[in-house]
């Protein structure tokens, strides 16, 4: 193969040649950087870890919202389905405990109220368990929020 000069017009000036050399160096530098980035496995692993973490945080937020909604619905259903007798008995027992009846020197009446509350609680176990589980979910969500702050 012979290299014969092609006649494409006037010969390039030294300034044109320097500019072309500078462009070529710049392109070559970009190519080398791209190849080095592909070969840098540690950097790729770190970038992937950041991506996975962001995706996990996003999904965790979605699931936390869903759990919150479910807990609120369960709480509402529990309130709707809990018989008034259980609500009244529970409120009365709570008032007695707050009033100091549990610390009185007469444990007989308190024990009797506790037994009657236990009987009512056994009779409507499902709504109470639902309420307790909803309360546990709400408390866990609050605890998680406090840890993030």
C-alpha atoms as a PDB file:
ATOM      1  CA  UNK A   1       0.000   0.000   0.000  1.00  0.00           C
ATOM      2  CA  UNK A   2       1.303   3.282  -0.903  1.00  0.00           C
ATOM      3  CA  UNK A   3       0.367   6.444   0.848  1.00  0.00           C
ATOM      4  CA  UNK A   4      -0.229   9.030  -1.703  1.00  0.00           C
ATOM      5  CA  UNK A   5      -1.148  12.457  -0.524  1.00  0.00           C
ATOM      6  CA  UNK A   6      -4.692  13.372  -1.375  1.00  0.00           C
ATOM      7  CA  UNK A   7      -5.389  16.781  -2.568  1.00  0.00           C
ATOM      8  CA  UNK A   8      -8.168  18.058  -0.303  1.00  0.00           C
ATOM      9  CA  UNK A   9      -7.364  21.633  -0.576  1.00  0.00           C
ATOM     10  CA  UNK A  10      -4.653  23.708   0.980  1.00  0.00           C
ATOM     11  CA  UNK A  11      -2.239  22.071   3.406  1.00  0.00           C
ATOM     12  CA  UNK A  12      -3.180  22.496   7.062  1.00  0.00           C
ATOM     13  CA  UNK A  13      -1.363  25.173   8.964  1.00  0.00           C
ATOM     14  CA  UNK A  14       0.646  24.388  12.078  1.00  0.00           C
ATOM     15  CA  UNK A  15      -2.125  25.935  14.196  1.00  0.00           C
ATOM     16  CA  UNK A  16      -4.718  23.647  12.584  1.00  0.00           C
ATOM     17  CA  UNK A  17      -2.499  20.645  13.249  1.00  0.00           C
ATOM     18  CA  UNK A  18      -2.044  21.662  16.894  1.00  0.00           C
ATOM     19  CA  UNK A  19      -5.824  22.054  17.331  1.00  0.00           C
ATOM     20  CA  UNK A  20      -6.420  18.650  15.736  1.00  0.00           C
ATOM     21  CA  UNK A  21      -3.783  17.081  18.005  1.00  0.00           C
ATOM     22  CA  UNK A  22      -5.419  18.679  21.050  1.00  0.00           C
ATOM     23  CA  UNK A  23      -8.867  17.339  20.038  1.00  0.00           C
ATOM     24  CA  UNK A  24      -7.416  13.887  19.508  1.00  0.00           C
ATOM     25  CA  UNK A  25      -5.705  13.973  22.918  1.00  0.00           C
ATOM     26  CA  UNK A  26      -8.946  15.039  24.551  1.00  0.00           C
ATOM     27  CA  UNK A  27     -10.894  12.206  22.852  1.00  0.00           C
ATOM     28  CA  UNK A  28      -8.198   9.712  23.783  1.00  0.00           C
ATOM     29  CA  UNK A  29      -8.306  10.895  27.419  1.00  0.00           C
ATOM     30  CA  UNK A  30     -12.073  10.393  27.530  1.00  0.00           C
ATOM     31  CA  UNK A  31     -11.714   6.915  26.045  1.00  0.00           C
ATOM     32  CA  UNK A  32      -9.063   5.972  28.620  1.00  0.00           C
ATOM     33  CA  UNK A  33     -11.265   7.275  31.457  1.00  0.00           C
ATOM     34  CA  UNK A  34     -14.227   5.242  30.181  1.00  0.00           C
ATOM     35  CA  UNK A  35     -12.110   2.088  29.998  1.00  0.00           C
ATOM     36  CA  UNK A  36     -10.708   2.705  33.485  1.00  0.00           C
ATOM     37  CA  UNK A  37     -14.236   3.139  34.863  1.00  0.00           C
ATOM     38  CA  UNK A  38     -15.287  -0.178  33.319  1.00  0.00           C
ATOM     39  CA  UNK A  39     -12.279  -1.886  34.845  1.00  0.00           C
ATOM     40  CA  UNK A  40     -12.852  -0.392  38.341  1.00  0.00           C
ATOM     41  CA  UNK A  41     -14.899  -3.175  39.920  1.00  0.00           C
ATOM     42  CA  UNK A  42     -14.829  -1.636  43.399  1.00  0.00           C
ATOM     43  CA  UNK A  43     -16.390   1.611  42.181  1.00  0.00           C
ATOM     44  CA  UNK A  44     -19.030  -0.331  40.250  1.00  0.00           C
ATOM     45  CA  UNK A  45     -19.870  -2.384  43.358  1.00  0.00           C
ATOM     46  CA  UNK A  46     -20.159   0.771  45.473  1.00  0.00           C
ATOM     47  CA  UNK A  47     -22.445   2.398  42.898  1.00  0.00           C
ATOM     48  CA  UNK A  48     -24.617  -0.718  42.783  1.00  0.00           C
ATOM     49  CA  UNK A  49     -24.779  -0.804  46.591  1.00  0.00           C
ATOM     50  CA  UNK A  50     -25.962   2.816  46.682  1.00  0.00           C
ATOM     51  CA  UNK A  51     -28.580   2.042  44.032  1.00  0.00           C
ATOM     52  CA  UNK A  52     -29.856  -1.006  45.936  1.00  0.00           C
ATOM     53  CA  UNK A  53     -29.943   0.939  49.211  1.00  0.00           C
ATOM     54  CA  UNK A  54     -31.982   3.746  47.637  1.00  0.00           C
ATOM     55  CA  UNK A  55     -34.413   1.231  46.145  1.00  0.00           C
ATOM     56  CA  UNK A  56     -34.735  -0.529  49.520  1.00  0.00           C
ATOM     57  CA  UNK A  57     -35.375   2.736  51.384  1.00  0.00           C
ATOM     58  CA  UNK A  58     -38.047   3.666  48.849  1.00  0.00           C
ATOM     59  CA  UNK A  59     -39.766   0.293  49.144  1.00  0.00           C
ATOM     60  CA  UNK A  60     -39.527   0.380  52.941  1.00  0.00           C
ATOM     61  CA  UNK A  61     -41.297   3.729  52.919  1.00  0.00           C
ATOM     62  CA  UNK A  62     -44.075   2.314  50.748  1.00  0.00           C
ATOM     63  CA  UNK A  63     -44.484  -0.709  53.014  1.00  0.00           C
ATOM     64  CA  UNK A  64     -44.457   1.439  56.150  1.00  0.00           C
ATOM     65  CA  UNK A  65     -47.265   3.508  54.669  1.00  0.00           C
ATOM     66  CA  UNK A  66     -49.246   0.376  53.854  1.00  0.00           C
ATOM     67  CA  UNK A  67     -48.714  -0.978  57.365  1.00  0.00           C
ATOM     68  CA  UNK A  68     -49.815   2.322  58.862  1.00  0.00           C
ATOM     69  CA  UNK A  69     -53.009   2.277  56.771  1.00  0.00           C
ATOM     70  CA  UNK A  70     -53.713  -1.328  57.763  1.00  0.00           C
ATOM     71  CA  UNK A  71     -53.149  -0.553  61.429  1.00  0.00           C
ATOM     72  CA  UNK A  72     -55.548   2.398  61.257  1.00  0.00           C
ATOM     73  CA  UNK A  73     -58.172   0.266  59.503  1.00  0.00           C
ATOM     74  CA  UNK A  74     -57.733  -2.536  62.042  1.00  0.00           C
ATOM     75  CA  UNK A  75     -58.054  -0.066  64.884  1.00  0.00           C
ATOM     76  CA  UNK A  76     -61.243   1.326  63.374  1.00  0.00           C
ATOM     77  CA  UNK A  77     -62.703  -2.131  62.841  1.00  0.00           C
ATOM     78  CA  UNK A  78     -61.822  -3.105  66.384  1.00  0.00           C
ATOM     79  CA  UNK A  79     -63.560  -0.031  67.736  1.00  0.00           C
ATOM     80  CA  UNK A  80     -66.630  -0.740  65.602  1.00  0.00           C
ATOM     81  CA  UNK A  81     -66.886  -4.414  66.529  1.00  0.00           C
ATOM     82  CA  UNK A  82     -66.012  -4.219  70.223  1.00  0.00           C
ATOM     83  CA  UNK A  83     -69.203  -4.602  72.232  1.00  0.00           C
ATOM     84  CA  UNK A  84     -70.188  -1.612  74.332  1.00  0.00           C
ATOM     85  CA  UNK A  85     -70.110  -3.770  77.453  1.00  0.00           C
ATOM     86  CA  UNK A  86     -66.412  -4.505  76.905  1.00  0.00           C
ATOM     87  CA  UNK A  87     -65.628  -0.850  76.233  1.00  0.00           C
ATOM     88  CA  UNK A  88     -67.537   0.216  79.332  1.00  0.00           C
ATOM     89  CA  UNK A  89     -65.953  -2.418  81.535  1.00  0.00           C
ATOM     90  CA  UNK A  90     -62.491  -1.617  80.240  1.00  0.00           C
ATOM     91  CA  UNK A  91     -62.998   2.110  80.741  1.00  0.00           C
ATOM     92  CA  UNK A  92     -64.356   1.518  84.245  1.00  0.00           C
ATOM     93  CA  UNK A  93     -61.422  -0.761  85.139  1.00  0.00           C
ATOM     94  CA  UNK A  94     -58.947   1.786  83.765  1.00  0.00           C
ATOM     95  CA  UNK A  95     -60.579   4.551  85.775  1.00  0.00           C
ATOM     96  CA  UNK A  96     -60.364   2.450  88.918  1.00  0.00           C
ATOM     97  CA  UNK A  97     -56.709   1.714  88.340  1.00  0.00           C
ATOM     98  CA  UNK A  98     -55.961   5.370  87.712  1.00  0.00           C
ATOM     99  CA  UNK A  99     -57.981   6.300  90.789  1.00  0.00           C
ATOM    100  CA  UNK A 100     -55.875   4.113  93.000  1.00  0.00           C
ATOM    101  CA  UNK A 101     -58.361   1.291  93.574  1.00  0.00           C
ATOM    102  CA  UNK A 102     -55.682  -1.268  92.768  1.00  0.00           C
ATOM    103  CA  UNK A 103     -53.524   0.072  95.610  1.00  0.00           C
ATOM    104  CA  UNK A 104     -56.282   0.129  98.220  1.00  0.00           C
ATOM    105  CA  UNK A 105     -56.227  -2.043 101.308  1.00  0.00           C
ATOM    106  CA  UNK A 106     -59.397  -3.817 100.128  1.00  0.00           C
ATOM    107  CA  UNK A 107     -58.275  -6.168  97.337  1.00  0.00           C
ATOM    108  CA  UNK A 108     -61.570  -8.081  97.274  1.00  0.00           C
ATOM    109  CA  UNK A 109     -63.630  -5.629  95.141  1.00  0.00           C
ATOM    110  CA  UNK A 110     -60.724  -4.986  92.818  1.00  0.00           C
ATOM    111  CA  UNK A 111     -60.137  -8.693  92.400  1.00  0.00           C
ATOM    112  CA  UNK A 112     -63.842  -9.166  91.663  1.00  0.00           C
ATOM    113  CA  UNK A 113     -63.747  -6.469  88.990  1.00  0.00           C
ATOM    114  CA  UNK A 114     -60.630  -8.038  87.513  1.00  0.00           C
ATOM    115  CA  UNK A 115     -62.317 -11.419  87.327  1.00  0.00           C
ATOM    116  CA  UNK A 116     -65.416  -9.939  85.677  1.00  0.00           C
ATOM    117  CA  UNK A 117     -63.222  -8.049  83.185  1.00  0.00           C
ATOM    118  CA  UNK A 118     -61.370 -11.282  82.418  1.00  0.00           C
ATOM    119  CA  UNK A 119     -64.682 -13.077  81.780  1.00  0.00           C
ATOM    120  CA  UNK A 120     -65.813 -10.332  79.387  1.00  0.00           C
ATOM    121  CA  UNK A 121     -62.400 -10.348  77.687  1.00  0.00           C
ATOM    122  CA  UNK A 122     -62.564 -14.109  77.139  1.00  0.00           C
ATOM    123  CA  UNK A 123     -66.013 -13.752  75.655  1.00  0.00           C
ATOM    124  CA  UNK A 124     -64.803 -11.267  73.014  1.00  0.00           C
ATOM    125  CA  UNK A 125     -61.239 -12.406  72.480  1.00  0.00           C
ATOM    126  CA  UNK A 126     -60.978 -11.678  68.712  1.00  0.00           C
ATOM    127  CA  UNK A 127     -61.618  -7.909  68.852  1.00  0.00           C
ATOM    128  CA  UNK A 128     -59.244  -7.570  71.786  1.00  0.00           C
ATOM    129  CA  UNK A 129     -56.492  -9.481  70.008  1.00  0.00           C
ATOM    130  CA  UNK A 130     -57.036  -7.387  66.879  1.00  0.00           C
ATOM    131  CA  UNK A 131     -56.804  -4.212  68.916  1.00  0.00           C
ATOM    132  CA  UNK A 132     -53.683  -5.410  70.684  1.00  0.00           C
ATOM    133  CA  UNK A 133     -52.012  -6.318  67.398  1.00  0.00           C
ATOM    134  CA  UNK A 134     -52.963  -2.950  65.887  1.00  0.00           C
ATOM    135  CA  UNK A 135     -51.517  -1.221  68.936  1.00  0.00           C
ATOM    136  CA  UNK A 136     -48.303  -3.238  68.589  1.00  0.00           C
ATOM    137  CA  UNK A 137     -47.982  -2.246  64.919  1.00  0.00           C
ATOM    138  CA  UNK A 138     -48.530   1.428  65.738  1.00  0.00           C
ATOM    139  CA  UNK A 139     -45.953   1.311  68.535  1.00  0.00           C
ATOM    140  CA  UNK A 140     -43.402  -0.389  66.281  1.00  0.00           C
ATOM    141  CA  UNK A 141     -43.939   2.222  63.569  1.00  0.00           C
ATOM    142  CA  UNK A 142     -43.487   5.059  66.083  1.00  0.00           C
ATOM    143  CA  UNK A 143     -40.330   3.409  67.377  1.00  0.00           C
ATOM    144  CA  UNK A 144     -38.980   3.124  63.817  1.00  0.00           C
ATOM    145  CA  UNK A 145     -39.688   6.790  63.144  1.00  0.00           C
ATOM    146  CA  UNK A 146     -37.836   7.862  66.271  1.00  0.00           C
ATOM    147  CA  UNK A 147     -34.778   5.855  65.253  1.00  0.00           C
ATOM    148  CA  UNK A 148     -34.683   7.503  61.803  1.00  0.00           C
ATOM    149  CA  UNK A 149     -34.676  11.031  63.267  1.00  0.00           C
END
